[in-house]
PDB file of N, CA and C in Angstrom:
ATOM      1  N   MET A   1      42.612  -7.270  57.642  1.00  0.00           N
ATOM      2  CA  MET A   1      43.334  -6.044  57.392  1.00  0.00           C
ATOM      3  C   MET A   1      43.272  -5.725  55.898  1.00  0.00           C
ATOM      4  N   THR A   2      43.117  -4.461  55.599  1.00  0.00           N
ATOM      5  CA  THR A   2      43.055  -4.036  54.201  1.00  0.00           C
ATOM      6  C   THR A   2      44.461  -3.785  53.660  1.00  0.00           C
ATOM      7  N   PRO A   3      44.609  -3.738  52.324  1.00  0.00           N
ATOM      8  CA  PRO A   3      45.919  -3.398  51.764  1.00  0.00           C
ATOM      9  C   PRO A   3      46.420  -2.036  52.264  1.00  0.00           C
ATOM     10  N   PHE A   4      45.522  -1.072  52.353  1.00  0.00           N
ATOM     11  CA  PHE A   4      45.878   0.252  52.851  1.00  0.00           C
ATOM     12  C   PHE A   4      46.308   0.169  54.317  1.00  0.00           C
ATOM     13  N   GLY A   5      45.542  -0.551  55.120  1.00  0.00           N
ATOM     14  CA  GLY A   5      45.865  -0.706  56.540  1.00  0.00           C
ATOM     15  C   GLY A   5      47.203  -1.379  56.750  1.00  0.00           C
ATOM     16  N   ALA A   6      47.491  -2.376  55.940  1.00  0.00           N
ATOM     17  CA  ALA A   6      48.778  -3.072  56.050  1.00  0.00           C
ATOM     18  C   ALA A   6      49.931  -2.119  55.725  1.00  0.00           C
ATOM     19  N   LYS A   7      49.753  -1.268  54.727  1.00  0.00           N
ATOM     20  CA  LYS A   7      50.803  -0.316  54.347  1.00  0.00           C
ATOM     21  C   LYS A   7      51.001   0.729  55.435  1.00  0.00           C
ATOM     22  N   VAL A   8      49.911   1.221  56.003  1.00  0.00           N
ATOM     23  CA  VAL A   8      50.016   2.203  57.088  1.00  0.00           C
ATOM     24  C   VAL A   8      50.729   1.580  58.279  1.00  0.00           C
ATOM     25  N   ARG A   9      50.368   0.368  58.607  1.00  0.00           N
ATOM     26  CA  ARG A   9      51.028  -0.324  59.722  1.00  0.00           C
ATOM     27  C   ARG A   9      52.521  -0.514  59.434  1.00  0.00           C
ATOM     28  N   GLU A  10      52.848  -0.864  58.191  1.00  0.00           N
ATOM     29  CA  GLU A  10      54.254  -1.026  57.804  1.00  0.00           C
ATOM     30  C   GLU A  10      55.016   0.287  57.970  1.00  0.00           C
ATOM     31  N   LEU A  11      54.416   1.390  57.529  1.00  0.00           N
ATOM     32  CA  LEU A  11      55.057   2.697  57.666  1.00  0.00           C
ATOM     33  C   LEU A  11      55.233   3.086  59.132  1.00  0.00           C
ATOM     34  N   ARG A  12      54.230   2.793  59.938  1.00  0.00           N
ATOM     35  CA  ARG A  12      54.344   3.079  61.381  1.00  0.00           C
ATOM     36  C   ARG A  12      55.483   2.278  62.000  1.00  0.00           C
ATOM     37  N   ALA A  13      55.582   1.005  61.637  1.00  0.00           N
ATOM     38  CA  ALA A  13      56.621   0.134  62.188  1.00  0.00           C
ATOM     39  C   ALA A  13      58.016   0.611  61.767  1.00  0.00           C
ATOM     40  N   LYS A  14      58.162   1.003  60.498  1.00  0.00           N
ATOM     41  CA  LYS A  14      59.457   1.487  59.994  1.00  0.00           C
ATOM     42  C   LYS A  14      59.933   2.713  60.763  1.00  0.00           C
ATOM     43  N   GLN A  15      58.981   3.568  61.127  1.00  0.00           N
ATOM     44  CA  GLN A  15      59.333   4.816  61.804  1.00  0.00           C
ATOM     45  C   GLN A  15      59.152   4.725  63.312  1.00  0.00           C
ATOM     46  N   ASN A  16      58.821   3.514  63.787  1.00  0.00           N
ATOM     47  CA  ASN A  16      58.643   3.272  65.223  1.00  0.00           C
ATOM     48  C   ASN A  16      57.627   4.237  65.847  1.00  0.00           C
ATOM     49  N   ILE A  17      56.479   4.335  65.188  1.00  0.00           N
ATOM     50  CA  ILE A  17      55.405   5.219  65.628  1.00  0.00           C
ATOM     51  C   ILE A  17      54.264   4.361  66.166  1.00  0.00           C
ATOM     52  N   THR A  18      53.771   4.696  67.332  1.00  0.00           N
ATOM     53  CA  THR A  18      52.650   3.946  67.889  1.00  0.00           C
ATOM     54  C   THR A  18      51.340   4.421  67.264  1.00  0.00           C
ATOM     55  N   LEU A  19      50.347   3.583  67.377  1.00  0.00           N
ATOM     56  CA  LEU A  19      49.014   3.928  66.886  1.00  0.00           C
ATOM     57  C   LEU A  19      48.523   5.186  67.597  1.00  0.00           C
ATOM     58  N   LYS A  20      48.749   5.246  68.897  1.00  0.00           N
ATOM     59  CA  LYS A  20      48.297   6.387  69.692  1.00  0.00           C
ATOM     60  C   LYS A  20      48.977   7.680  69.245  1.00  0.00           C
ATOM     61  N   GLU A  21      50.278   7.632  68.985  1.00  0.00           N
ATOM     62  CA  GLU A  21      51.002   8.824  68.530  1.00  0.00           C
ATOM     63  C   GLU A  21      50.465   9.317  67.196  1.00  0.00           C
ATOM     64  N   MET A  22      50.244   8.394  66.292  1.00  0.00           N
ATOM     65  CA  MET A  22      49.750   8.773  64.984  1.00  0.00           C
ATOM     66  C   MET A  22      48.330   9.331  65.075  1.00  0.00           C
ATOM     67  N   ALA A  23      47.503   8.687  65.864  1.00  0.00           N
ATOM     68  CA  ALA A  23      46.122   9.148  66.029  1.00  0.00           C
ATOM     69  C   ALA A  23      46.088  10.568  66.590  1.00  0.00           C
ATOM     70  N   GLU A  24      46.912  10.831  67.583  1.00  0.00           N
ATOM     71  CA  GLU A  24      46.967  12.177  68.166  1.00  0.00           C
ATOM     72  C   GLU A  24      47.409  13.208  67.130  1.00  0.00           C
ATOM     73  N   ALA A  25      48.428  12.869  66.355  1.00  0.00           N
ATOM     74  CA  ALA A  25      48.934  13.793  65.333  1.00  0.00           C
ATOM     75  C   ALA A  25      47.890  14.082  64.260  1.00  0.00           C
ATOM     76  N   LEU A  26      47.037  13.092  63.959  1.00  0.00           N
ATOM     77  CA  LEU A  26      46.003  13.265  62.934  1.00  0.00           C
ATOM     78  C   LEU A  26      44.678  13.765  63.501  1.00  0.00           C
ATOM     79  N   SER A  27      44.629  13.936  64.820  1.00  0.00           N
ATOM     80  CA  SER A  27      43.409  14.381  65.512  1.00  0.00           C
ATOM     81  C   SER A  27      42.239  13.429  65.297  1.00  0.00           C
ATOM     82  N   VAL A  28      42.547  12.135  65.367  1.00  0.00           N
ATOM     83  CA  VAL A  28      41.509  11.108  65.328  1.00  0.00           C
ATOM     84  C   VAL A  28      41.737  10.191  66.526  1.00  0.00           C
ATOM     85  N   SER A  29      40.766   9.366  66.827  1.00  0.00           N
ATOM     86  CA  SER A  29      40.935   8.453  67.954  1.00  0.00           C
ATOM     87  C   SER A  29      41.784   7.253  67.551  1.00  0.00           C
ATOM     88  N   SER A  30      42.418   6.662  68.535  1.00  0.00           N
ATOM     89  CA  SER A  30      43.182   5.437  68.291  1.00  0.00           C
ATOM     90  C   SER A  30      42.259   4.344  67.780  1.00  0.00           C
ATOM     91  N   ALA A  31      41.037   4.316  68.305  1.00  0.00           N
ATOM     92  CA  ALA A  31      40.065   3.303  67.890  1.00  0.00           C
ATOM     93  C   ALA A  31      39.739   3.454  66.402  1.00  0.00           C
ATOM     94  N   TYR A  32      39.575   4.700  65.938  1.00  0.00           N
ATOM     95  CA  TYR A  32      39.283   4.929  64.526  1.00  0.00           C
ATOM     96  C   TYR A  32      40.441   4.461  63.659  1.00  0.00           C
ATOM     97  N   LEU A  33      41.653   4.845  64.044  1.00  0.00           N
ATOM     98  CA  LEU A  33      42.821   4.482  63.253  1.00  0.00           C
ATOM     99  C   LEU A  33      43.018   2.968  63.229  1.00  0.00           C
ATOM    100  N   SER A  34      42.792   2.325  64.360  1.00  0.00           N
ATOM    101  CA  SER A  34      42.894   0.867  64.421  1.00  0.00           C
ATOM    102  C   SER A  34      41.850   0.217  63.518  1.00  0.00           C
ATOM    103  N   ALA A  35      40.622   0.723  63.577  1.00  0.00           N
ATOM    104  CA  ALA A  35      39.545   0.182  62.742  1.00  0.00           C
ATOM    105  C   ALA A  35      39.853   0.398  61.261  1.00  0.00           C
ATOM    106  N   LEU A  36      40.467   1.531  60.922  1.00  0.00           N
ATOM    107  CA  LEU A  36      40.850   1.809  59.538  1.00  0.00           C
ATOM    108  C   LEU A  36      41.903   0.811  59.071  1.00  0.00           C
ATOM    109  N   GLU A  37      42.887   0.538  59.922  1.00  0.00           N
ATOM    110  CA  GLU A  37      43.938  -0.422  59.577  1.00  0.00           C
ATOM    111  C   GLU A  37      43.379  -1.832  59.420  1.00  0.00           C
ATOM    112  N   HIS A  38      42.448  -2.201  60.276  1.00  0.00           N
ATOM    113  CA  HIS A  38      41.933  -3.575  60.284  1.00  0.00           C
ATOM    114  C   HIS A  38      40.745  -3.806  59.363  1.00  0.00           C
ATOM    115  N   GLY A  39      40.333  -2.793  58.627  1.00  0.00           N
ATOM    116  CA  GLY A  39      39.245  -2.973  57.677  1.00  0.00           C
ATOM    117  C   GLY A  39      37.874  -2.995  58.311  1.00  0.00           C
ATOM    118  N   LYS A  40      37.765  -2.446  59.508  1.00  0.00           N
ATOM    119  CA  LYS A  40      36.463  -2.375  60.160  1.00  0.00           C
ATOM    120  C   LYS A  40      35.776  -1.036  59.870  1.00  0.00           C
ATOM    121  N   ARG A  41      36.468  -0.189  59.128  1.00  0.00           N
ATOM    122  CA  ARG A  41      35.911   1.062  58.620  1.00  0.00           C
ATOM    123  C   ARG A  41      35.972   0.996  57.104  1.00  0.00           C
ATOM    124  N   GLY A  42      35.164   1.770  56.457  1.00  0.00           N
ATOM    125  CA  GLY A  42      35.165   1.766  55.003  1.00  0.00           C
ATOM    126  C   GLY A  42      36.428   2.383  54.435  1.00  0.00           C
ATOM    127  N   THR A  43      36.433   2.575  53.159  1.00  0.00           N
ATOM    128  CA  THR A  43      37.563   3.189  52.475  1.00  0.00           C
ATOM    129  C   THR A  43      37.820   4.569  53.071  1.00  0.00           C
ATOM    130  N   PRO A  44      39.079   4.897  53.380  1.00  0.00           N
ATOM    131  CA  PRO A  44      39.354   6.227  53.928  1.00  0.00           C
ATOM    132  C   PRO A  44      39.056   7.308  52.901  1.00  0.00           C
ATOM    133  N   THR A  45      38.669   8.460  53.394  1.00  0.00           N
ATOM    134  CA  THR A  45      38.384   9.576  52.498  1.00  0.00           C
ATOM    135  C   THR A  45      39.676  10.060  51.849  1.00  0.00           C
ATOM    136  N   TRP A  46      39.530  10.765  50.748  1.00  0.00           N
ATOM    137  CA  TRP A  46      40.689  11.346  50.077  1.00  0.00           C
ATOM    138  C   TRP A  46      41.441  12.255  51.043  1.00  0.00           C
ATOM    139  N   TYR A  47      40.688  13.024  51.804  1.00  0.00           N
ATOM    140  CA  TYR A  47      41.287  13.951  52.771  1.00  0.00           C
ATOM    141  C   TYR A  47      42.111  13.193  53.810  1.00  0.00           C
ATOM    142  N   MET A  48      41.595  12.089  54.340  1.00  0.00           N
ATOM    143  CA  MET A  48      42.330  11.311  55.345  1.00  0.00           C
ATOM    144  C   MET A  48      43.590  10.700  54.727  1.00  0.00           C
ATOM    145  N   VAL A  49      43.488  10.205  53.515  1.00  0.00           N
ATOM    146  CA  VAL A  49      44.664   9.636  52.843  1.00  0.00           C
ATOM    147  C   VAL A  49      45.731  10.717  52.685  1.00  0.00           C
ATOM    148  N   GLN A  50      45.322  11.923  52.286  1.00  0.00           N
ATOM    149  CA  GLN A  50      46.281  13.019  52.123  1.00  0.00           C
ATOM    150  C   GLN A  50      46.932  13.387  53.453  1.00  0.00           C
ATOM    151  N   ARG A  51      46.166  13.370  54.527  1.00  0.00           N
ATOM    152  CA  ARG A  51      46.713  13.661  55.861  1.00  0.00           C
ATOM    153  C   ARG A  51      47.740  12.601  56.258  1.00  0.00           C
ATOM    154  N   ILE A  52      47.455  11.349  55.937  1.00  0.00           N
ATOM    155  CA  ILE A  52      48.380  10.264  56.268  1.00  0.00           C
ATOM    156  C   ILE A  52      49.648  10.375  55.426  1.00  0.00           C
ATOM    157  N   ILE A  53      49.492  10.696  54.153  1.00  0.00           N
ATOM    158  CA  ILE A  53      50.648  10.894  53.275  1.00  0.00           C
ATOM    159  C   ILE A  53      51.528  12.017  53.824  1.00  0.00           C
ATOM    160  N   THR A  54      50.911  13.108  54.216  1.00  0.00           N
ATOM    161  CA  THR A  54      51.652  14.235  54.776  1.00  0.00           C
ATOM    162  C   THR A  54      52.307  13.845  56.096  1.00  0.00           C
ATOM    163  N   TYR A  55      51.593  13.112  56.922  1.00  0.00           N
ATOM    164  CA  TYR A  55      52.124  12.693  58.219  1.00  0.00           C
ATOM    165  C   TYR A  55      53.414  11.900  58.058  1.00  0.00           C
ATOM    166  N   PHE A  56      53.430  10.974  57.121  1.00  0.00           N
ATOM    167  CA  PHE A  56      54.616  10.144  56.913  1.00  0.00           C
ATOM    168  C   PHE A  56      55.657  10.827  56.018  1.00  0.00           C
ATOM    169  N   ASN A  57      55.281  11.953  55.389  1.00  0.00           N
ATOM    170  CA  ASN A  57      56.191  12.695  54.530  1.00  0.00           C
ATOM    171  C   ASN A  57      56.814  11.779  53.474  1.00  0.00           C
ATOM    172  N   VAL A  58      55.945  11.039  52.785  1.00  0.00           N
ATOM    173  CA  VAL A  58      56.427  10.068  51.805  1.00  0.00           C
ATOM    174  C   VAL A  58      56.658  10.725  50.453  1.00  0.00           C
ATOM    175  N   ILE A  59      57.501  10.088  49.639  1.00  0.00           N
ATOM    176  CA  ILE A  59      57.797  10.605  48.311  1.00  0.00           C
ATOM    177  C   ILE A  59      56.659  10.263  47.351  1.00  0.00           C
ATOM    178  N   TRP A  60      56.720  10.805  46.147  1.00  0.00           N
ATOM    179  CA  TRP A  60      55.629  10.668  45.172  1.00  0.00           C
ATOM    180  C   TRP A  60      55.192   9.234  44.929  1.00  0.00           C
ATOM    181  N   ASP A  61      56.142   8.351  44.666  1.00  0.00           N
ATOM    182  CA  ASP A  61      55.789   6.964  44.351  1.00  0.00           C
ATOM    183  C   ASP A  61      55.018   6.312  45.498  1.00  0.00           C
ATOM    184  N   GLU A  62      55.498   6.516  46.704  1.00  0.00           N
ATOM    185  CA  GLU A  62      54.834   5.914  47.854  1.00  0.00           C
ATOM    186  C   GLU A  62      53.486   6.584  48.128  1.00  0.00           C
ATOM    187  N   ALA A  63      53.402   7.881  47.879  1.00  0.00           N
ATOM    188  CA  ALA A  63      52.124   8.586  48.039  1.00  0.00           C
ATOM    189  C   ALA A  63      51.088   8.041  47.051  1.00  0.00           C
ATOM    190  N   GLU A  64      51.518   7.827  45.812  1.00  0.00           N
ATOM    191  CA  GLU A  64      50.612   7.259  44.807  1.00  0.00           C
ATOM    192  C   GLU A  64      50.194   5.844  45.194  1.00  0.00           C
ATOM    193  N   GLU A  65      51.135   5.081  45.748  1.00  0.00           N
ATOM    194  CA  GLU A  65      50.801   3.724  46.181  1.00  0.00           C
ATOM    195  C   GLU A  65      49.772   3.747  47.314  1.00  0.00           C
ATOM    196  N   LEU A  66      49.946   4.659  48.273  1.00  0.00           N
ATOM    197  CA  LEU A  66      48.966   4.769  49.359  1.00  0.00           C
ATOM    198  C   LEU A  66      47.585   5.122  48.816  1.00  0.00           C
ATOM    199  N   GLN A  67      47.540   6.051  47.868  1.00  0.00           N
ATOM    200  CA  GLN A  67      46.260   6.436  47.268  1.00  0.00           C
ATOM    201  C   GLN A  67      45.620   5.253  46.543  1.00  0.00           C
ATOM    202  N   ARG A  68      46.421   4.520  45.790  1.00  0.00           N
ATOM    203  CA  ARG A  68      45.921   3.350  45.048  1.00  0.00           C
ATOM    204  C   ARG A  68      45.426   2.281  46.024  1.00  0.00           C
ATOM    205  N   LEU A  69      46.192   2.025  47.085  1.00  0.00           N
ATOM    206  CA  LEU A  69      45.790   1.018  48.067  1.00  0.00           C
ATOM    207  C   LEU A  69      44.510   1.423  48.782  1.00  0.00           C
ATOM    208  N   ALA A  70      44.363   2.710  49.053  1.00  0.00           N
ATOM    209  CA  ALA A  70      43.133   3.180  49.702  1.00  0.00           C
ATOM    210  C   ALA A  70      41.921   2.897  48.819  1.00  0.00           C
ATOM    211  N   GLU A  71      42.084   3.095  47.509  1.00  0.00           N
ATOM    212  CA  GLU A  71      40.986   2.847  46.577  1.00  0.00           C
ATOM    213  C   GLU A  71      40.630   1.362  46.496  1.00  0.00           C
ATOM    214  N   LEU A  72      41.582   0.490  46.818  1.00  0.00           N
ATOM    215  CA  LEU A  72      41.363  -0.959  46.759  1.00  0.00           C
ATOM    216  C   LEU A  72      41.079  -1.567  48.131  1.00  0.00           C
ATOM    217  N   SER A  73      40.728  -0.733  49.103  1.00  0.00           N
ATOM    218  CA  SER A  73      40.635  -1.229  50.472  1.00  0.00           C
ATOM    219  C   SER A  73      39.239  -1.161  51.083  1.00  0.00           C
ATOM    220  N   ASN A  74      38.225  -1.225  50.264  1.00  0.00           N
ATOM    221  CA  ASN A  74      36.872  -1.277  50.803  1.00  0.00           C
ATOM    222  C   ASN A  74      36.600  -2.708  51.250  1.00  0.00           C
ATOM    223  N   PRO A  75      36.493  -2.951  52.565  1.00  0.00           N
ATOM    224  CA  PRO A  75      36.323  -4.317  53.045  1.00  0.00           C
ATOM    225  C   PRO A  75      34.904  -4.875  52.858  1.00  0.00           C
ATOM    226  N   LYS A  76      33.960  -4.021  52.481  1.00  0.00           N
ATOM    227  CA  LYS A  76      32.567  -4.466  52.350  1.00  0.00           C
ATOM    228  C   LYS A  76      32.043  -4.122  50.963  1.00  0.00           C
ATOM    229  N   ILE A  77      32.682  -4.689  49.980  1.00  0.00           N
ATOM    230  CA  ILE A  77      32.363  -4.386  48.591  1.00  0.00           C
ATOM    231  C   ILE A  77      31.072  -5.083  48.164  1.00  0.00           C
ATOM    232  N   THR A  78      30.309  -4.430  47.316  1.00  0.00           N
ATOM    233  CA  THR A  78      29.101  -5.008  46.733  1.00  0.00           C
ATOM    234  C   THR A  78      29.283  -4.990  45.224  1.00  0.00           C
ATOM    235  N   ILE A  79      28.977  -6.105  44.591  1.00  0.00           N
ATOM    236  CA  ILE A  79      29.099  -6.188  43.134  1.00  0.00           C
ATOM    237  C   ILE A  79      27.715  -6.431  42.552  1.00  0.00           C
ATOM    238  N   ASP A  80      27.258  -5.508  41.736  1.00  0.00           N
ATOM    239  CA  ASP A  80      25.953  -5.621  41.091  1.00  0.00           C
ATOM    240  C   ASP A  80      26.169  -6.211  39.698  1.00  0.00           C
ATOM    241  N   THR A  81      25.693  -7.434  39.491  1.00  0.00           N
ATOM    242  CA  THR A  81      25.849  -8.069  38.176  1.00  0.00           C
ATOM    243  C   THR A  81      24.574  -7.982  37.340  1.00  0.00           C
ATOM    244  N   GLY A  82      23.618  -7.191  37.813  1.00  0.00           N
ATOM    245  CA  GLY A  82      22.400  -6.990  37.039  1.00  0.00           C
ATOM    246  C   GLY A  82      22.739  -6.436  35.671  1.00  0.00           C
ATOM    247  N   GLY A  83      22.241  -7.049  34.641  1.00  0.00           N
ATOM    248  CA  GLY A  83      22.498  -6.607  33.277  1.00  0.00           C
ATOM    249  C   GLY A  83      23.749  -7.217  32.663  1.00  0.00           C
ATOM    250  N   LEU A  84      24.519  -7.946  33.474  1.00  0.00           N
ATOM    251  CA  LEU A  84      25.700  -8.628  32.937  1.00  0.00           C
ATOM    252  C   LEU A  84      25.320 -10.054  32.552  1.00  0.00           C
ATOM    253  N   THR A  85      26.260 -10.776  32.025  1.00  0.00           N
ATOM    254  CA  THR A  85      25.993 -12.152  31.598  1.00  0.00           C
ATOM    255  C   THR A  85      25.848 -13.087  32.798  1.00  0.00           C
ATOM    256  N   PRO A  86      25.210 -14.237  32.597  1.00  0.00           N
ATOM    257  CA  PRO A  86      25.110 -15.222  33.680  1.00  0.00           C
ATOM    258  C   PRO A  86      26.487 -15.649  34.200  1.00  0.00           C
ATOM    259  N   ARG A  87      27.502 -15.679  33.345  1.00  0.00           N
ATOM    260  CA  ARG A  87      28.858 -16.071  33.777  1.00  0.00           C
ATOM    261  C   ARG A  87      29.433 -15.059  34.765  1.00  0.00           C
ATOM    262  N   ALA A  88      29.124 -13.771  34.568  1.00  0.00           N
ATOM    263  CA  ALA A  88      29.593 -12.741  35.497  1.00  0.00           C
ATOM    264  C   ALA A  88      28.974 -12.946  36.875  1.00  0.00           C
ATOM    265  N   THR A  89      27.677 -13.274  36.901  1.00  0.00           N
ATOM    266  CA  THR A  89      27.000 -13.541  38.169  1.00  0.00           C
ATOM    267  C   THR A  89      27.558 -14.798  38.816  1.00  0.00           C
ATOM    268  N   GLU A  90      27.809 -15.820  38.018  1.00  0.00           N
ATOM    269  CA  GLU A  90      28.386 -17.063  38.538  1.00  0.00           C
ATOM    270  C   GLU A  90      29.761 -16.795  39.162  1.00  0.00           C
ATOM    271  N   LEU A  91      30.603 -16.062  38.469  1.00  0.00           N
ATOM    272  CA  LEU A  91      31.938 -15.749  38.960  1.00  0.00           C
ATOM    273  C   LEU A  91      31.863 -14.984  40.283  1.00  0.00           C
ATOM    274  N   THR A  92      30.999 -13.984  40.336  1.00  0.00           N
ATOM    275  CA  THR A  92      30.856 -13.168  41.538  1.00  0.00           C
ATOM    276  C   THR A  92      30.412 -14.013  42.725  1.00  0.00           C
ATOM    277  N   ASN A  93      29.416 -14.849  42.516  1.00  0.00           N
ATOM    278  CA  ASN A  93      28.913 -15.685  43.601  1.00  0.00           C
ATOM    279  C   ASN A  93      29.926 -16.747  44.023  1.00  0.00           C
ATOM    280  N   MET A  94      30.624 -17.281  43.060  1.00  0.00           N
ATOM    281  CA  MET A  94      31.642 -18.281  43.364  1.00  0.00           C
ATOM    282  C   MET A  94      32.762 -17.664  44.211  1.00  0.00           C
ATOM    283  N   LEU A  95      33.204 -16.491  43.842  1.00  0.00           N
ATOM    284  CA  LEU A  95      34.237 -15.806  44.598  1.00  0.00           C
ATOM    285  C   LEU A  95      33.742 -15.496  46.017  1.00  0.00           C
ATOM    286  N   ALA A  96      32.519 -15.008  46.125  1.00  0.00           N
ATOM    287  CA  ALA A  96      31.968 -14.683  47.444  1.00  0.00           C
ATOM    288  C   ALA A  96      31.901 -15.908  48.356  1.00  0.00           C
ATOM    289  N   SER A  97      31.565 -17.052  47.792  1.00  0.00           N
ATOM    290  CA  SER A  97      31.406 -18.246  48.626  1.00  0.00           C
ATOM    291  C   SER A  97      32.723 -18.935  48.940  1.00  0.00           C
ATOM    292  N   LYS A  98      33.748 -18.702  48.152  1.00  0.00           N
ATOM    293  CA  LYS A  98      34.998 -19.443  48.324  1.00  0.00           C
ATOM    294  C   LYS A  98      36.174 -18.616  48.831  1.00  0.00           C
ATOM    295  N   ILE A  99      36.056 -17.304  48.869  1.00  0.00           N
ATOM    296  CA  ILE A  99      37.203 -16.462  49.183  1.00  0.00           C
ATOM    297  C   ILE A  99      37.774 -16.744  50.575  1.00  0.00           C
ATOM    298  N   ASN A 100      36.920 -17.102  51.525  1.00  0.00           N
ATOM    299  CA  ASN A 100      37.391 -17.377  52.896  1.00  0.00           C
ATOM    300  C   ASN A 100      38.374 -18.525  52.958  1.00  0.00           C
ATOM    301  N   GLY A 101      38.291 -19.479  52.052  1.00  0.00           N
ATOM    302  CA  GLY A 101      39.142 -20.654  52.112  1.00  0.00           C
ATOM    303  C   GLY A 101      40.371 -20.611  51.228  1.00  0.00           C
ATOM    304  N   LEU A 102      40.536 -19.526  50.467  1.00  0.00           N
ATOM    305  CA  LEU A 102      41.667 -19.450  49.545  1.00  0.00           C
ATOM    306  C   LEU A 102      42.960 -19.077  50.266  1.00  0.00           C
ATOM    307  N   SER A 103      44.040 -19.743  49.900  1.00  0.00           N
ATOM    308  CA  SER A 103      45.355 -19.447  50.471  1.00  0.00           C
ATOM    309  C   SER A 103      45.882 -18.145  49.888  1.00  0.00           C
ATOM    310  N   GLU A 104      46.907 -17.590  50.520  1.00  0.00           N
ATOM    311  CA  GLU A 104      47.549 -16.387  49.990  1.00  0.00           C
ATOM    312  C   GLU A 104      48.094 -16.641  48.590  1.00  0.00           C
ATOM    313  N   GLU A 105      48.646 -17.821  48.385  1.00  0.00           N
ATOM    314  CA  GLU A 105      49.185 -18.178  47.075  1.00  0.00           C
ATOM    315  C   GLU A 105      48.079 -18.192  46.017  1.00  0.00           C
ATOM    316  N   SER A 106      46.944 -18.759  46.373  1.00  0.00           N
ATOM    317  CA  SER A 106      45.820 -18.793  45.433  1.00  0.00           C
ATOM    318  C   SER A 106      45.276 -17.397  45.168  1.00  0.00           C
ATOM    319  N   LEU A 107      45.204 -16.570  46.201  1.00  0.00           N
ATOM    320  CA  LEU A 107      44.741 -15.194  46.017  1.00  0.00           C
ATOM    321  C   LEU A 107      45.683 -14.435  45.091  1.00  0.00           C
ATOM    322  N   GLU A 108      46.987 -14.587  45.304  1.00  0.00           N
ATOM    323  CA  GLU A 108      47.979 -13.951  44.423  1.00  0.00           C
ATOM    324  C   GLU A 108      47.789 -14.392  42.986  1.00  0.00           C
ATOM    325  N   HIS A 109      47.574 -15.693  42.801  1.00  0.00           N
ATOM    326  CA  HIS A 109      47.377 -16.240  41.462  1.00  0.00           C
ATOM    327  C   HIS A 109      46.136 -15.629  40.804  1.00  0.00           C
ATOM    328  N   LEU A 110      45.040 -15.555  41.539  1.00  0.00           N
ATOM    329  CA  LEU A 110      43.810 -14.991  40.980  1.00  0.00           C
ATOM    330  C   LEU A 110      43.972 -13.510  40.648  1.00  0.00           C
ATOM    331  N   ILE A 111      44.639 -12.766  41.529  1.00  0.00           N
ATOM    332  CA  ILE A 111      44.878 -11.346  41.264  1.00  0.00           C
ATOM    333  C   ILE A 111      45.704 -11.181  39.993  1.00  0.00           C
ATOM    334  N   HIS A 112      46.739 -11.984  39.867  1.00  0.00           N
ATOM    335  CA  HIS A 112      47.585 -11.924  38.669  1.00  0.00           C
ATOM    336  C   HIS A 112      46.758 -12.246  37.413  1.00  0.00           C
ATOM    337  N   GLN A 113      45.971 -13.305  37.484  1.00  0.00           N
ATOM    338  CA  GLN A 113      45.163 -13.702  36.329  1.00  0.00           C
ATOM    339  C   GLN A 113      44.165 -12.609  35.952  1.00  0.00           C
ATOM    340  N   LEU A 114      43.563 -11.977  36.951  1.00  0.00           N
ATOM    341  CA  LEU A 114      42.606 -10.907  36.663  1.00  0.00           C
ATOM    342  C   LEU A 114      43.304  -9.719  36.004  1.00  0.00           C
ATOM    343  N   ARG A 115      44.509  -9.417  36.458  1.00  0.00           N
ATOM    344  CA  ARG A 115      45.268  -8.328  35.806  1.00  0.00           C
ATOM    345  C   ARG A 115      45.588  -8.670  34.367  1.00  0.00           C
ATOM    346  N   VAL A 116      45.955  -9.924  34.112  1.00  0.00           N
ATOM    347  CA  VAL A 116      46.287 -10.356  32.751  1.00  0.00           C
ATOM    348  C   VAL A 116      45.070 -10.234  31.838  1.00  0.00           C
ATOM    349  N   VAL A 117      43.940 -10.781  32.255  1.00  0.00           N
ATOM    350  CA  VAL A 117      42.763 -10.753  31.378  1.00  0.00           C
ATOM    351  C   VAL A 117      42.186  -9.346  31.264  1.00  0.00           C
ATOM    352  N   SER A 118      42.315  -8.531  32.310  1.00  0.00           N
ATOM    353  CA  SER A 118      41.863  -7.136  32.224  1.00  0.00           C
ATOM    354  C   SER A 118      42.671  -6.376  31.195  1.00  0.00           C
ATOM    355  N   SER A 119      43.961  -6.606  31.184  1.00  0.00           N
ATOM    356  CA  SER A 119      44.840  -5.971  30.195  1.00  0.00           C
ATOM    357  C   SER A 119      44.486  -6.428  28.793  1.00  0.00           C
ATOM    358  N   ARG A 120      44.264  -7.734  28.658  1.00  0.00           N
ATOM    359  CA  ARG A 120      43.906  -8.294  27.351  1.00  0.00           C
ATOM    360  C   ARG A 120      42.598  -7.699  26.833  1.00  0.00           C
ATOM    361  N   ASP A 121      41.648  -7.483  27.751  1.00  0.00           N
ATOM    362  CA  ASP A 121      40.339  -6.932  27.364  1.00  0.00           C
ATOM    363  C   ASP A 121      40.306  -5.400  27.396  1.00  0.00           C
ATOM    364  N   ASN A 122      41.494  -4.800  27.608  1.00  0.00           N
ATOM    365  CA  ASN A 122      41.628  -3.330  27.622  1.00  0.00           C
ATOM    366  C   ASN A 122      40.768  -2.640  28.662  1.00  0.00           C
ATOM    367  N   ILE A 123      40.741  -3.212  29.870  1.00  0.00           N
ATOM    368  CA  ILE A 123      40.015  -2.543  30.959  1.00  0.00           C
ATOM    369  C   ILE A 123      40.914  -2.343  32.154  1.00  0.00           C
TER     370      ILE A 123
END
């Protein structure tokens, strides 16, 4: 499940909305919406995110969070390290080979560390 899919599912649960009801309201199939939630579809389009935001009638902060989560929810990401340092390629390959075995706690730790060093490097 993607971060975006998890948030959509959370919003549906809070409002006691079924997948089928939401799919009908958005004029998409239940299968599409399920695949979007589970990360079997790519990043949702800006238009689809806006439709979902409108559907749930969320406030600004939550709308911005949905947009941000959608941008971080590509389940089939490709990282091109061509032209970068050997360490960048090593890091990318190491993450690709080990991500399946990392615990939630370890993933949280890595995300936090990446945010810290990104801030330090002004990116």
